[in-house]
Protein backbone atom coordinates (compact mmCIF):
# COMPACT_ATOMS: atom_id res chain seq x y z
CA MET A 1 76.40 -28.97 -18.77
CA GLU A 2 78.59 -26.23 -17.31
CA GLN A 3 79.67 -25.14 -20.80
CA ILE A 4 76.03 -24.91 -21.88
CA ILE A 5 75.28 -22.63 -18.93
CA TYR A 6 78.20 -20.38 -19.90
CA VAL A 7 76.89 -20.14 -23.46
CA LEU A 8 73.42 -19.39 -22.08
CA LEU A 9 74.83 -16.56 -19.94
CA LEU A 10 76.65 -15.14 -22.97
CA PHE A 11 73.45 -15.18 -25.04
CA ILE A 12 71.52 -13.52 -22.19
CA PHE A 13 74.08 -10.72 -22.12
CA LEU A 14 74.02 -10.25 -25.89
CA ASN A 15 70.22 -10.29 -25.94
CA CYS A 16 70.02 -7.64 -23.24
CA VAL A 17 72.52 -5.42 -25.05
CA MET A 18 70.58 -5.89 -28.29
CA ARG A 19 67.40 -4.81 -26.50
CA LEU A 20 69.22 -1.74 -25.11
CA SER A 21 70.31 -0.81 -28.64
CA LEU A 22 66.63 -0.30 -29.49
CA TRP A 23 66.19 2.19 -26.64
CA GLN A 24 67.28 5.82 -26.43
CA TRP A 25 70.57 6.72 -24.78
CA TRP A 26 69.07 8.07 -21.55
CA GLN A 27 66.94 4.95 -21.14
CA ARG A 28 70.05 2.77 -21.48
CA ILE A 29 71.76 4.80 -18.78
CA VAL A 30 68.78 4.44 -16.42
CA TYR A 31 68.71 0.66 -16.89
CA SER A 32 72.50 0.46 -16.44
CA LEU A 33 72.25 2.51 -13.23
CA VAL A 34 69.63 0.10 -11.90
CA LEU A 35 71.87 -2.87 -12.67
CA GLY A 36 74.88 -1.13 -11.16
CA GLY A 37 72.91 -0.30 -8.01
CA PHE A 38 71.76 -3.91 -7.79
CA ALA A 39 75.36 -5.11 -8.14
CA TYR A 40 76.54 -2.97 -5.24
CA TRP A 41 73.48 -3.78 -3.12
CA SER A 42 74.03 -7.52 -3.58
CA MET A 43 77.67 -7.31 -2.48
CA ASP A 44 76.86 -8.64 1.00
CA TYR A 45 75.15 -11.70 -0.49
CA ALA A 46 77.92 -12.24 -3.05
CA MET A 47 80.57 -12.27 -0.30
CA LEU A 48 78.80 -15.22 1.35
CA GLN A 49 78.98 -17.35 -1.80
CA SER A 50 81.64 -19.89 -2.68
CA LYS A 51 82.45 -21.90 -5.78
CA THR A 52 81.20 -25.05 -4.08
CA ARG A 53 77.89 -23.43 -3.12
CA ILE A 54 77.35 -22.09 -6.64
CA ALA A 55 78.09 -25.53 -8.07
CA ASP A 56 75.53 -27.01 -5.65
CA TYR A 57 72.95 -24.46 -6.81
CA LEU A 58 73.48 -25.52 -10.41
CA GLN A 59 72.85 -29.14 -9.40
CA ASN A 60 69.76 -28.37 -7.32
CA THR A 61 66.55 -29.50 -9.01
CA ALA A 62 64.39 -26.79 -7.41
CA VAL A 63 66.82 -24.05 -8.47
CA LEU A 64 66.92 -25.40 -12.03
CA GLN A 65 63.14 -25.47 -12.20
CA ASN A 66 62.94 -21.85 -11.05
CA MET A 67 65.55 -20.89 -13.62
CA ALA A 68 63.55 -22.65 -16.33
CA ILE A 69 60.44 -20.65 -15.40
CA ILE A 70 62.31 -17.33 -15.52
CA VAL A 71 63.99 -18.21 -18.83
CA THR A 72 60.64 -19.21 -20.34
CA ILE A 73 58.94 -15.98 -19.24
CA GLU A 74 61.84 -13.93 -20.58
CA SER A 75 61.74 -15.74 -23.92
CA VAL A 76 57.96 -15.34 -24.25
CA PHE A 77 58.14 -11.57 -23.73
CA CYS A 78 61.06 -11.16 -26.12
CA LEU A 79 59.48 -13.32 -28.82
CA ALA A 80 56.14 -11.53 -28.46
CA PHE A 81 57.83 -8.14 -28.86
CA THR A 82 59.91 -9.11 -31.88
CA LEU A 83 57.04 -10.83 -33.69
CA THR A 84 54.72 -7.88 -32.99
CA TYR A 85 57.31 -5.41 -34.20
CA LEU A 86 58.16 -7.31 -37.38
CA GLN A 87 54.51 -7.91 -38.31
CA ASN A 88 53.43 -4.29 -37.81
CA ASP A 89 54.75 -0.88 -38.63
CA ASP A 90 56.59 0.62 -35.67
CA HIS A 91 54.43 3.74 -35.64
CA THR A 92 51.19 1.75 -35.46
CA ILE A 93 52.10 -0.19 -32.30
CA ARG A 94 53.54 2.66 -30.27
CA ASN A 95 50.08 3.78 -29.15
CA LYS A 96 49.03 0.34 -27.88
CA TRP A 97 49.64 -0.21 -24.18
CA TRP A 98 50.50 -3.90 -24.53
CA ALA A 99 53.09 -3.05 -27.20
CA LYS A 100 54.67 -0.54 -24.82
CA VAL A 101 54.82 -3.17 -22.09
CA LEU A 102 56.58 -5.57 -24.46
CA PHE A 103 58.99 -2.88 -25.64
CA TRP A 104 59.95 -1.64 -22.16
CA TYR A 105 60.15 -5.09 -20.59
CA PRO A 106 63.39 -4.79 -18.59
CA GLY A 107 64.69 -8.34 -18.88
CA PRO A 108 65.10 -9.82 -15.36
CA LEU A 109 67.66 -12.42 -16.47
CA MET A 110 70.36 -9.74 -16.39
CA PHE A 111 70.05 -9.46 -12.60
CA PRO A 112 71.14 -13.05 -11.78
CA LEU A 113 73.77 -12.72 -14.52
CA VAL A 114 75.18 -9.57 -12.89
CA PHE A 115 75.13 -11.31 -9.50
CA TYR A 116 77.00 -14.30 -10.91
CA LEU A 117 79.60 -12.09 -12.57
CA LEU A 118 80.03 -10.15 -9.33
CA THR A 119 80.72 -13.34 -7.38
CA GLN A 120 83.28 -14.44 -9.99
CA THR A 121 84.92 -11.01 -9.79
CA LEU A 122 85.16 -11.29 -6.00
CA PHE A 123 86.73 -14.74 -6.37
CA ALA A 124 89.30 -13.38 -8.84
CA ALA A 125 90.16 -10.19 -6.91
CA VAL A 126 91.91 -11.92 -4.04
CA GLY A 127 93.24 -9.52 -1.41
CA VAL A 128 91.22 -6.54 -2.68
CA ASP A 129 88.63 -4.89 -0.46
CA PHE A 130 85.16 -6.24 -1.26
CA SER A 131 83.58 -2.80 -1.22
CA LEU A 132 86.13 -1.42 -3.69
CA THR A 133 85.65 -4.41 -5.98
CA ALA A 134 81.87 -3.97 -5.88
CA TRP A 135 82.18 -0.25 -6.64
CA LEU A 136 84.47 -0.90 -9.61
CA PHE A 137 82.22 -3.68 -10.89
CA ALA A 138 79.09 -1.52 -10.60
CA GLY A 139 80.88 1.35 -12.37
CA ALA A 140 81.93 -1.00 -15.18
CA VAL A 141 78.33 -2.14 -15.59
CA VAL A 142 77.05 1.45 -15.75
CA LEU A 143 79.71 2.52 -18.28
CA LEU A 144 80.09 -0.54 -20.50
CA LEU A 145 76.45 -1.52 -21.12
CA PRO A 146 75.45 1.74 -22.90
CA LEU A 147 78.74 1.74 -24.86
CA ILE A 148 78.31 -1.86 -26.04
CA ALA A 149 74.69 -1.12 -26.98
CA GLU A 150 75.86 1.87 -29.00
CA SER A 151 78.46 -0.30 -30.73
CA PHE A 152 75.66 -2.65 -31.82
CA CYS A 153 73.87 0.35 -33.30
CA PHE A 154 77.05 1.11 -35.27
CA LEU A 155 77.47 -2.47 -36.46
CA LEU A 156 73.77 -2.87 -37.35
CA PRO A 157 72.45 0.57 -38.33
CA GLU A 158 69.10 -0.81 -39.49
CA ARG A 159 66.68 -1.09 -36.57
CA ASP A 160 64.83 -4.02 -38.18
CA HIS A 161 68.06 -6.01 -38.39
CA ARG A 162 68.68 -5.56 -34.67
CA VAL A 163 65.13 -6.73 -33.95
CA GLU A 164 65.72 -9.83 -36.07
CA VAL A 165 68.95 -10.60 -34.20
CA HIS A 166 67.02 -10.06 -30.96
CA LEU A 167 64.49 -12.65 -32.16
CA LEU A 168 67.20 -15.22 -32.95
CA LEU A 169 68.94 -14.68 -29.62
CA SER A 170 65.62 -15.11 -27.79
CA LEU A 171 65.05 -18.43 -29.56
CA PHE A 172 68.54 -19.64 -28.63
CA ILE A 173 68.02 -18.58 -25.00
CA CYS A 174 64.74 -20.49 -24.85
CA ILE A 175 66.29 -23.66 -26.27
CA LEU A 176 69.50 -23.46 -24.24
CA GLY A 177 67.53 -22.61 -21.10
CA LEU A 178 65.45 -25.75 -21.41
CA ILE A 179 68.55 -27.85 -22.08
CA ALA A 180 70.62 -26.35 -19.27
CA THR A 181 67.88 -26.58 -16.65
CA GLU A 182 66.77 -30.13 -17.25
CA ASN A 183 67.17 -32.62 -14.45
CA GLY A 184 70.30 -34.63 -15.12
CA LYS A 185 69.27 -37.30 -12.61
CA ILE A 186 66.45 -38.59 -14.79
CA VAL A 187 67.33 -41.87 -16.44
CA TYR A 188 65.49 -42.98 -19.53
CA ALA A 189 65.24 -46.68 -20.15
CA VAL A 190 65.76 -47.59 -23.78
CA LYS A 191 62.94 -49.72 -25.07
CA GLU A 192 62.51 -51.22 -28.48
CA HIS A 193 59.19 -50.33 -30.01
CA PRO A 194 58.03 -50.51 -33.63
CA VAL A 195 57.31 -47.25 -35.42
CA ASP A 196 53.63 -46.36 -35.44
CA TRP A 197 53.40 -45.22 -39.04
CA LEU A 198 49.68 -44.47 -38.78
CA ALA A 199 50.16 -42.12 -35.82
CA LEU A 200 53.13 -40.51 -37.57
CA ALA A 201 51.03 -39.96 -40.72
CA PHE A 202 48.22 -38.39 -38.67
CA THR A 203 50.70 -36.09 -36.93
CA LEU A 204 52.34 -34.94 -40.15
CA GLY A 205 48.96 -34.58 -41.82
CA GLY A 206 47.63 -32.48 -38.96
CA PHE A 207 50.70 -30.27 -39.07
CA ALA A 208 50.36 -29.80 -42.84
CA LEU A 209 46.65 -29.00 -42.47
CA LEU A 210 47.22 -26.40 -39.76
CA PHE A 211 50.11 -24.90 -41.70
CA GLY A 212 47.95 -24.63 -44.82
CA LEU A 213 45.07 -23.05 -42.91
CA GLY A 214 47.42 -20.53 -41.35
CA TRP A 215 48.92 -19.65 -44.73
CA LEU A 216 45.49 -19.23 -46.32
CA LEU A 217 44.28 -17.07 -43.44
CA SER A 218 47.36 -14.87 -43.67
CA ARG A 219 46.97 -14.62 -47.46
CA TYR A 220 43.28 -13.73 -47.17
CA ARG A 221 44.05 -11.11 -44.53
CA TRP A 222 46.73 -9.56 -46.76
CA LEU A 223 44.40 -9.45 -49.78
CA PHE A 224 41.61 -7.99 -47.66
CA ARG A 225 43.83 -5.18 -46.38
CA LYS A 226 45.18 -4.51 -49.86
CA SER A 227 41.68 -4.19 -51.31
């Protein structure tokens, strides 16, 4: 479970950087300054943490449930933005207020990630003044985030490709978030039960029917706009 959480944190970081690559340079700097200020502000709380306490948090059912809610909200906003962007021309959605909200959604998952990385940095920097460590960490956040975002722009020059990667990362975060935040204390009793082929056929039939209706509606909408 701990390895899954580490992978989830990595995907959260990559997803945030991919979102920053869609913004302008000054907007990346503003967001990085906010994260850096948060890192230094949370120094007093990070000093009170310990590896044992953090491990207890990751085993706490209430904490996991709150994490699942935040991960779900984050994924919904990211998926809504990417699907809206890919289904419409960029210039047509800029004037819609809800599209602007989706585009400028800051991504709150980076704040607990920054706090976690700050605590790990304080654990590693043994014998170094906490204030100096927090200053250096905040400065690294402010400097590295815009640079990494710009490197993604260099690796993926096409804006649509970065949006597609953002979509895939959001899907992985949603799936990993649900896996990592499930309650490990739940025990499922294995029971033998025959397969209900009739219910399975109804389920697959309903899925095929809804899929066909959606395809026909999309096709009709495309033909209507073309005509």
